[in-house]
Amino acid sequence: MRKRAVVAVAAAIGSAAVAGPAVAAASGGQPPDPVTVQLNQDTVALHGMVDHYQRGDTNVALADCPGAKPGAVTFSSPVLKFSGYDFGPFIGVKATVSADAELVPGTAAGQYPLTVTCSGKPYTATFSVPAAQVTQVPAGGAKAGDGSLAE
């Protein structure tokens, strides 16, 4: 339910998809399948979120799988754990299913697959994981004043 609220709030402030989701293409020069899969959604205020894991923030896997029903659609990735599946449609994003996506601890920066299985067929997009930011000042690091002597 939280994902719907987040997407609804983003839509309320004028969000719009800036970058499109990965569309699974059929092999042999056939037209693309209607199924899409992506990690996160761009908004007017936040660009560059599609297919990028956001450290320290909520991440959501999204798929547009016609006829999606509980138990018939699953997300998978070697570096993400999924929970809280929710079935749409959703406001502000073309999707029929979503799930919270949590990064497996110790995952290195890089490119990884995100797959949705829809009607027994897998559809895959690639997403990026940024390097973790340093959260502690190294021992012996330079220290700046606290401003208490400023006039």
N, C-alpha and C. Protein backbone atom coordinates (compact mmCIF):
# COMPACT_ATOMS: atom_id res chain seq x y z
N MET A 1 0.82 -1.19 0.00
CA MET A 1 0.00 0.00 0.00
C MET A 1 0.87 1.26 0.00
N ARG A 2 2.00 1.22 0.68
CA ARG A 2 2.90 2.36 0.75
C ARG A 2 3.37 2.75 -0.65
N LYS A 3 3.63 1.77 -1.50
CA LYS A 3 4.11 2.06 -2.86
C LYS A 3 3.05 2.84 -3.63
N ARG A 4 1.78 2.48 -3.47
CA ARG A 4 0.72 3.20 -4.16
C ARG A 4 0.69 4.65 -3.69
N ALA A 5 0.85 4.85 -2.38
CA ALA A 5 0.84 6.21 -1.84
C ALA A 5 2.00 7.02 -2.38
N VAL A 6 3.19 6.42 -2.45
CA VAL A 6 4.36 7.12 -2.97
C VAL A 6 4.14 7.49 -4.43
N VAL A 7 3.64 6.55 -5.21
CA VAL A 7 3.39 6.82 -6.62
C VAL A 7 2.28 7.85 -6.77
N ALA A 8 1.23 7.78 -5.92
CA ALA A 8 0.13 8.73 -5.98
C ALA A 8 0.60 10.13 -5.62
N VAL A 9 1.43 10.27 -4.60
CA VAL A 9 1.95 11.58 -4.21
C VAL A 9 2.80 12.15 -5.34
N ALA A 10 3.65 11.32 -5.92
CA ALA A 10 4.48 11.79 -7.03
C ALA A 10 3.61 12.25 -8.19
N ALA A 11 2.52 11.54 -8.46
CA ALA A 11 1.62 11.94 -9.54
C ALA A 11 0.92 13.24 -9.20
N ALA A 12 0.59 13.42 -7.92
CA ALA A 12 -0.11 14.62 -7.50
C ALA A 12 0.73 15.87 -7.68
N ILE A 13 2.06 15.74 -7.57
CA ILE A 13 2.91 16.92 -7.75
C ILE A 13 3.39 17.05 -9.19
N GLY A 14 2.76 16.31 -10.06
CA GLY A 14 3.05 16.48 -11.49
C GLY A 14 4.14 15.57 -11.99
N SER A 15 4.25 14.39 -11.41
CA SER A 15 5.31 13.50 -11.89
C SER A 15 4.96 12.95 -13.27
N ALA A 16 6.02 12.62 -13.97
CA ALA A 16 5.86 12.02 -15.29
C ALA A 16 7.08 11.16 -15.56
N ALA A 17 6.88 10.09 -16.28
CA ALA A 17 8.02 9.25 -16.62
C ALA A 17 8.92 10.02 -17.56
N VAL A 18 10.19 10.09 -17.21
CA VAL A 18 11.16 10.78 -18.04
C VAL A 18 11.92 9.77 -18.88
N ALA A 19 12.33 8.70 -18.25
CA ALA A 19 13.03 7.63 -18.97
C ALA A 19 12.08 6.43 -19.01
N GLY A 20 11.97 5.79 -20.12
CA GLY A 20 11.06 4.68 -20.25
C GLY A 20 11.63 3.40 -19.66
N PRO A 21 10.77 2.48 -19.27
CA PRO A 21 11.22 1.21 -18.74
C PRO A 21 11.78 0.31 -19.84
N ALA A 22 12.50 -0.70 -19.42
CA ALA A 22 13.03 -1.65 -20.38
C ALA A 22 11.87 -2.46 -20.93
N VAL A 23 11.79 -2.59 -22.22
CA VAL A 23 10.75 -3.38 -22.87
C VAL A 23 11.40 -4.66 -23.37
N ALA A 24 10.84 -5.76 -22.96
CA ALA A 24 11.41 -7.05 -23.36
C ALA A 24 11.10 -7.29 -24.83
N ALA A 25 12.13 -7.45 -25.62
CA ALA A 25 11.94 -7.67 -27.05
C ALA A 25 11.95 -9.16 -27.37
N ALA A 26 11.09 -9.56 -28.23
CA ALA A 26 11.06 -10.95 -28.67
C ALA A 26 12.19 -11.17 -29.66
N SER A 27 12.69 -12.39 -29.72
CA SER A 27 13.79 -12.67 -30.65
C SER A 27 13.26 -12.87 -32.06
N GLY A 28 14.16 -12.80 -33.04
CA GLY A 28 13.78 -13.07 -34.43
C GLY A 28 13.14 -11.90 -35.14
N GLY A 29 13.40 -10.66 -34.65
CA GLY A 29 12.88 -9.49 -35.34
C GLY A 29 11.39 -9.27 -35.15
N GLN A 30 10.76 -9.96 -34.18
CA GLN A 30 9.35 -9.77 -33.91
C GLN A 30 9.15 -8.47 -33.14
N PRO A 31 7.92 -7.93 -33.14
CA PRO A 31 7.67 -6.71 -32.38
C PRO A 31 7.89 -6.94 -30.88
N PRO A 32 8.18 -5.88 -30.13
CA PRO A 32 8.44 -6.04 -28.71
C PRO A 32 7.22 -6.57 -27.96
N ASP A 33 7.50 -7.33 -26.91
CA ASP A 33 6.45 -7.84 -26.03
C ASP A 33 5.86 -6.68 -25.26
N PRO A 34 4.61 -6.78 -24.83
CA PRO A 34 4.01 -5.70 -24.06
C PRO A 34 4.48 -5.67 -22.60
N VAL A 35 5.23 -6.66 -22.16
CA VAL A 35 5.68 -6.73 -20.77
C VAL A 35 6.89 -5.83 -20.57
N THR A 36 6.86 -5.03 -19.49
CA THR A 36 7.99 -4.18 -19.14
C THR A 36 8.40 -4.46 -17.70
N VAL A 37 9.67 -4.18 -17.39
CA VAL A 37 10.18 -4.33 -16.03
C VAL A 37 11.20 -3.23 -15.79
N GLN A 38 11.19 -2.67 -14.58
CA GLN A 38 12.14 -1.62 -14.23
C GLN A 38 12.29 -1.53 -12.71
N LEU A 39 13.38 -0.92 -12.29
CA LEU A 39 13.59 -0.63 -10.88
C LEU A 39 13.41 0.87 -10.70
N ASN A 40 12.49 1.24 -9.83
CA ASN A 40 12.20 2.64 -9.50
C ASN A 40 11.55 3.39 -10.65
N GLN A 41 11.14 4.63 -10.38
CA GLN A 41 10.41 5.44 -11.35
C GLN A 41 10.88 6.88 -11.25
N ASP A 42 11.14 7.50 -12.37
CA ASP A 42 11.49 8.92 -12.38
C ASP A 42 10.26 9.76 -12.05
N THR A 43 10.51 10.92 -11.46
CA THR A 43 9.46 11.90 -11.24
C THR A 43 9.97 13.24 -11.76
N VAL A 44 9.12 14.23 -11.76
CA VAL A 44 9.53 15.56 -12.20
C VAL A 44 10.65 16.08 -11.29
N ALA A 45 10.54 15.82 -9.99
CA ALA A 45 11.53 16.32 -9.03
C ALA A 45 12.79 15.46 -8.98
N LEU A 46 12.68 14.18 -9.25
CA LEU A 46 13.82 13.27 -9.14
C LEU A 46 14.05 12.57 -10.47
N HIS A 47 15.08 12.97 -11.18
CA HIS A 47 15.42 12.36 -12.46
C HIS A 47 16.51 11.31 -12.26
N GLY A 48 16.61 10.38 -13.18
CA GLY A 48 17.68 9.39 -13.15
C GLY A 48 17.46 8.25 -12.18
N MET A 49 16.22 8.01 -11.78
CA MET A 49 15.95 6.94 -10.82
C MET A 49 15.66 5.60 -11.50
N VAL A 50 15.18 5.63 -12.73
CA VAL A 50 14.81 4.38 -13.40
C VAL A 50 16.04 3.52 -13.58
N ASP A 51 15.94 2.29 -13.12
CA ASP A 51 16.98 1.28 -13.23
C ASP A 51 18.27 1.67 -12.51
N HIS A 52 18.14 2.44 -11.43
CA HIS A 52 19.26 2.78 -10.55
C HIS A 52 18.82 2.50 -9.12
N TYR A 53 19.59 1.66 -8.41
CA TYR A 53 19.28 1.40 -7.00
C TYR A 53 19.62 2.65 -6.20
N GLN A 54 18.73 3.09 -5.33
CA GLN A 54 18.92 4.29 -4.51
C GLN A 54 19.29 3.86 -3.08
N ARG A 55 20.57 3.96 -2.73
CA ARG A 55 20.99 3.59 -1.38
C ARG A 55 20.34 4.54 -0.37
N GLY A 56 19.90 3.99 0.75
CA GLY A 56 19.30 4.79 1.81
C GLY A 56 17.90 5.28 1.49
N ASP A 57 17.24 4.70 0.50
CA ASP A 57 15.90 5.13 0.12
C ASP A 57 15.07 3.88 -0.20
N THR A 58 13.78 4.08 -0.35
CA THR A 58 12.90 2.99 -0.75
C THR A 58 13.09 2.70 -2.23
N ASN A 59 13.24 1.44 -2.58
CA ASN A 59 13.38 1.02 -3.97
C ASN A 59 12.23 0.08 -4.30
N VAL A 60 11.69 0.25 -5.51
CA VAL A 60 10.52 -0.51 -5.92
C VAL A 60 10.74 -1.11 -7.30
N ALA A 61 10.53 -2.42 -7.40
CA ALA A 61 10.53 -3.10 -8.71
C ALA A 61 9.13 -2.95 -9.27
N LEU A 62 9.05 -2.61 -10.56
CA LEU A 62 7.77 -2.39 -11.23
C LEU A 62 7.72 -3.20 -12.51
N ALA A 63 6.56 -3.75 -12.82
CA ALA A 63 6.40 -4.48 -14.08
C ALA A 63 4.99 -4.25 -14.61
N ASP A 64 4.90 -4.16 -15.91
CA ASP A 64 3.60 -4.11 -16.57
C ASP A 64 3.40 -5.47 -17.21
N CYS A 65 2.66 -6.30 -16.51
CA CYS A 65 2.42 -7.68 -16.93
C CYS A 65 0.91 -7.85 -17.07
N PRO A 66 0.40 -7.83 -18.30
CA PRO A 66 -1.05 -7.94 -18.49
C PRO A 66 -1.63 -9.15 -17.77
N GLY A 67 -2.70 -8.91 -17.02
CA GLY A 67 -3.36 -9.99 -16.28
C GLY A 67 -2.61 -10.44 -15.04
N ALA A 68 -1.72 -9.61 -14.50
CA ALA A 68 -0.93 -9.98 -13.32
C ALA A 68 -1.84 -10.33 -12.15
N LYS A 69 -1.55 -11.47 -11.52
CA LYS A 69 -2.31 -11.93 -10.36
C LYS A 69 -1.34 -12.43 -9.30
N PRO A 70 -1.71 -12.31 -8.02
CA PRO A 70 -0.85 -12.83 -6.96
C PRO A 70 -0.50 -14.30 -7.20
N GLY A 71 0.78 -14.61 -7.03
CA GLY A 71 1.26 -15.98 -7.21
C GLY A 71 1.67 -16.31 -8.63
N ALA A 72 1.25 -15.50 -9.61
CA ALA A 72 1.57 -15.78 -11.01
C ALA A 72 2.70 -14.91 -11.54
N VAL A 73 3.10 -13.88 -10.77
CA VAL A 73 4.15 -12.95 -11.18
C VAL A 73 5.19 -12.89 -10.07
N THR A 74 6.47 -13.02 -10.45
CA THR A 74 7.54 -12.92 -9.45
C THR A 74 8.70 -12.12 -10.02
N PHE A 75 9.35 -11.37 -9.13
CA PHE A 75 10.58 -10.67 -9.45
C PHE A 75 11.74 -11.50 -8.95
N SER A 76 12.89 -11.40 -9.62
CA SER A 76 14.11 -12.06 -9.16
C SER A 76 15.32 -11.26 -9.59
N SER A 77 16.38 -11.37 -8.80
CA SER A 77 17.66 -10.72 -9.08
C SER A 77 18.69 -11.37 -8.16
N PRO A 78 19.93 -11.50 -8.61
CA PRO A 78 20.94 -12.09 -7.74
C PRO A 78 21.33 -11.19 -6.57
N VAL A 79 20.96 -9.89 -6.61
CA VAL A 79 21.40 -8.97 -5.56
C VAL A 79 20.25 -8.24 -4.86
N LEU A 80 19.02 -8.60 -5.16
CA LEU A 80 17.87 -7.97 -4.51
C LEU A 80 16.97 -9.01 -3.87
N LYS A 81 16.37 -8.63 -2.73
CA LYS A 81 15.33 -9.43 -2.09
C LYS A 81 14.02 -8.66 -2.25
N PHE A 82 12.93 -9.36 -2.55
CA PHE A 82 11.66 -8.73 -2.83
C PHE A 82 10.62 -9.08 -1.77
N SER A 83 9.79 -8.09 -1.42
CA SER A 83 8.72 -8.32 -0.46
C SER A 83 7.59 -7.35 -0.76
N GLY A 84 6.46 -7.57 -0.14
CA GLY A 84 5.34 -6.65 -0.26
C GLY A 84 4.81 -6.47 -1.66
N TYR A 85 4.58 -7.58 -2.35
CA TYR A 85 4.01 -7.48 -3.71
C TYR A 85 2.67 -6.76 -3.64
N ASP A 86 2.44 -5.89 -4.62
CA ASP A 86 1.20 -5.15 -4.71
C ASP A 86 0.77 -5.16 -6.17
N PHE A 87 -0.52 -5.29 -6.40
CA PHE A 87 -1.03 -5.38 -7.77
C PHE A 87 -1.89 -4.16 -8.08
N GLY A 88 -1.62 -3.53 -9.25
CA GLY A 88 -2.22 -2.26 -9.64
C GLY A 88 -3.47 -2.44 -10.43
N PRO A 89 -3.79 -1.49 -11.25
CA PRO A 89 -2.91 -0.48 -11.85
C PRO A 89 -2.53 0.60 -10.83
N PHE A 90 -1.45 1.33 -11.16
CA PHE A 90 -0.92 2.35 -10.29
C PHE A 90 -1.07 3.72 -10.94
N ILE A 91 -1.04 4.75 -10.13
CA ILE A 91 -1.16 6.12 -10.62
C ILE A 91 0.23 6.64 -10.96
N GLY A 92 0.41 7.18 -12.15
CA GLY A 92 1.66 7.82 -12.52
C GLY A 92 2.73 6.91 -13.09
N VAL A 93 2.47 5.62 -13.18
CA VAL A 93 3.45 4.70 -13.76
C VAL A 93 2.68 3.55 -14.42
N LYS A 94 3.13 3.14 -15.59
CA LYS A 94 2.48 2.03 -16.29
C LYS A 94 3.01 0.73 -15.69
N ALA A 95 2.26 0.17 -14.76
CA ALA A 95 2.64 -1.07 -14.10
C ALA A 95 1.40 -1.75 -13.55
N THR A 96 1.46 -3.07 -13.49
CA THR A 96 0.36 -3.83 -12.90
C THR A 96 0.80 -4.58 -11.65
N VAL A 97 2.12 -4.58 -11.37
CA VAL A 97 2.63 -5.23 -10.16
C VAL A 97 3.89 -4.48 -9.70
N SER A 98 4.05 -4.43 -8.37
CA SER A 98 5.25 -3.82 -7.80
C SER A 98 5.65 -4.62 -6.57
N ALA A 99 6.89 -4.44 -6.15
CA ALA A 99 7.38 -5.07 -4.92
C ALA A 99 8.53 -4.24 -4.37
N ASP A 100 8.62 -4.19 -3.05
CA ASP A 100 9.76 -3.53 -2.41
C ASP A 100 11.01 -4.32 -2.76
N ALA A 101 12.11 -3.62 -3.05
CA ALA A 101 13.37 -4.25 -3.42
C ALA A 101 14.45 -3.81 -2.44
N GLU A 102 15.08 -4.78 -1.79
CA GLU A 102 16.13 -4.50 -0.81
C GLU A 102 17.43 -5.14 -1.28
N LEU A 103 18.50 -4.37 -1.24
CA LEU A 103 19.81 -4.84 -1.69
C LEU A 103 20.39 -5.86 -0.72
N VAL A 104 20.93 -6.93 -1.24
CA VAL A 104 21.58 -7.95 -0.42
C VAL A 104 22.85 -7.31 0.16
N PRO A 105 23.05 -7.40 1.48
CA PRO A 105 24.25 -6.80 2.09
C PRO A 105 25.54 -7.30 1.43
N GLY A 106 26.49 -6.38 1.26
CA GLY A 106 27.77 -6.73 0.68
C GLY A 106 27.81 -6.67 -0.84
N THR A 107 26.72 -6.24 -1.47
CA THR A 107 26.69 -6.17 -2.93
C THR A 107 27.62 -5.06 -3.43
N ALA A 108 28.49 -5.40 -4.35
CA ALA A 108 29.44 -4.44 -4.93
C ALA A 108 28.73 -3.57 -5.97
N ALA A 109 29.30 -2.40 -6.21
CA ALA A 109 28.78 -1.53 -7.26
C ALA A 109 28.88 -2.26 -8.60
N GLY A 110 27.92 -2.00 -9.48
CA GLY A 110 27.96 -2.63 -10.79
C GLY A 110 26.59 -2.70 -11.43
N GLN A 111 26.50 -3.46 -12.50
CA GLN A 111 25.26 -3.65 -13.27
C GLN A 111 24.72 -5.05 -12.96
N TYR A 112 23.43 -5.15 -12.73
CA TYR A 112 22.82 -6.43 -12.37
C TYR A 112 21.48 -6.60 -13.08
N PRO A 113 21.03 -7.86 -13.27
CA PRO A 113 19.75 -8.09 -13.92
C PRO A 113 18.59 -8.02 -12.92
N LEU A 114 17.46 -7.56 -13.42
CA LEU A 114 16.18 -7.59 -12.70
C LEU A 114 15.22 -8.30 -13.64
N THR A 115 14.66 -9.41 -13.17
CA THR A 115 13.79 -10.23 -14.01
C THR A 115 12.41 -10.31 -13.40
N VAL A 116 11.40 -10.22 -14.25
CA VAL A 116 10.03 -10.50 -13.83
C VAL A 116 9.58 -11.72 -14.63
N THR A 117 8.96 -12.66 -13.95
CA THR A 117 8.39 -13.81 -14.63
C THR A 117 6.89 -13.56 -14.73
N CYS A 118 6.41 -13.47 -15.96
CA CYS A 118 5.03 -13.12 -16.24
C CYS A 118 4.46 -14.18 -17.18
N SER A 119 3.40 -14.81 -16.76
CA SER A 119 2.78 -15.88 -17.57
C SER A 119 3.80 -16.96 -17.93
N GLY A 120 4.71 -17.24 -16.99
CA GLY A 120 5.69 -18.30 -17.19
C GLY A 120 6.90 -17.91 -18.03
N LYS A 121 6.96 -16.66 -18.51
CA LYS A 121 8.08 -16.23 -19.34
C LYS A 121 8.89 -15.16 -18.60
N PRO A 122 10.23 -15.24 -18.67
CA PRO A 122 11.06 -14.22 -18.01
C PRO A 122 11.31 -13.02 -18.92
N TYR A 123 11.30 -11.83 -18.31
CA TYR A 123 11.62 -10.57 -18.98
C TYR A 123 12.63 -9.85 -18.10
N THR A 124 13.73 -9.40 -18.68
CA THR A 124 14.84 -8.87 -17.89
C THR A 124 15.24 -7.47 -18.31
N ALA A 125 15.56 -6.65 -17.31
CA ALA A 125 16.15 -5.32 -17.50
C ALA A 125 17.44 -5.31 -16.68
N THR A 126 18.30 -4.36 -16.95
CA THR A 126 19.55 -4.22 -16.19
C THR A 126 19.46 -2.94 -15.37
N PHE A 127 19.90 -3.01 -14.11
CA PHE A 127 19.92 -1.83 -13.26
C PHE A 127 21.31 -1.68 -12.68
N SER A 128 21.62 -0.47 -12.20
CA SER A 128 22.95 -0.22 -11.63
C SER A 128 22.86 -0.02 -10.13
N VAL A 129 23.93 -0.42 -9.46
CA VAL A 129 24.09 -0.21 -8.03
C VAL A 129 25.30 0.69 -7.86
N PRO A 130 25.13 1.86 -7.21
CA PRO A 130 26.27 2.76 -7.01
C PRO A 130 27.16 2.25 -5.88
N ALA A 131 28.38 2.75 -5.84
CA ALA A 131 29.29 2.41 -4.75
C ALA A 131 28.74 3.00 -3.45
N ALA A 132 28.97 2.30 -2.37
CA ALA A 132 28.54 2.80 -1.06
C ALA A 132 29.38 4.02 -0.70
N GLN A 133 28.74 5.00 -0.06
CA GLN A 133 29.43 6.21 0.36
C GLN A 133 30.12 5.97 1.69
N VAL A 134 31.23 6.66 1.92
CA VAL A 134 31.94 6.57 3.19
C VAL A 134 31.07 7.21 4.26
N THR A 135 30.86 6.51 5.37
CA THR A 135 29.99 7.03 6.41
C THR A 135 30.76 7.47 7.65
N GLN A 136 32.07 7.22 7.69
CA GLN A 136 32.87 7.62 8.84
C GLN A 136 34.08 8.42 8.37
N VAL A 137 34.51 9.37 9.20
CA VAL A 137 35.73 10.11 8.90
C VAL A 137 36.90 9.21 9.27
N PRO A 138 37.85 9.02 8.37
CA PRO A 138 38.99 8.16 8.68
C PRO A 138 39.77 8.69 9.88
N ALA A 139 40.35 7.78 10.66
CA ALA A 139 41.20 8.17 11.79
C ALA A 139 42.35 9.00 11.27
N GLY A 140 42.63 10.12 11.91
CA GLY A 140 43.73 10.97 11.48
C GLY A 140 43.35 11.91 10.36
N GLY A 141 42.08 11.93 9.98
CA GLY A 141 41.63 12.81 8.92
C GLY A 141 41.65 14.26 9.36
N ALA A 142 41.72 15.17 8.42
CA ALA A 142 41.73 16.60 8.73
C ALA A 142 40.45 16.99 9.44
N LYS A 143 40.58 17.91 10.39
CA LYS A 143 39.41 18.36 11.15
C LYS A 143 39.30 19.87 10.99
N ALA A 144 38.13 20.32 10.66
CA ALA A 144 37.87 21.75 10.52
C ALA A 144 37.34 22.27 11.85
N GLY A 145 37.46 23.56 12.05
CA GLY A 145 36.94 24.17 13.27
C GLY A 145 35.43 24.11 13.31
N ASP A 146 34.89 24.33 14.51
CA ASP A 146 33.44 24.26 14.67
C ASP A 146 32.75 25.62 14.47
N GLY A 147 33.54 26.66 14.18
CA GLY A 147 32.97 27.98 13.95
C GLY A 147 32.77 28.79 15.20
N SER A 148 33.14 28.28 16.35
CA SER A 148 32.90 28.99 17.60
C SER A 148 33.76 30.24 17.73
N LEU A 149 34.84 30.38 16.99
CA LEU A 149 35.69 31.55 17.07
C LEU A 149 35.36 32.58 15.99
N ALA A 150 34.40 32.26 15.14
CA ALA A 150 34.02 33.17 14.06
C ALA A 150 33.34 34.41 14.63
N GLU A 151 33.58 35.54 14.01
CA GLU A 151 32.95 36.79 14.47
C GLU A 151 31.84 37.18 13.57
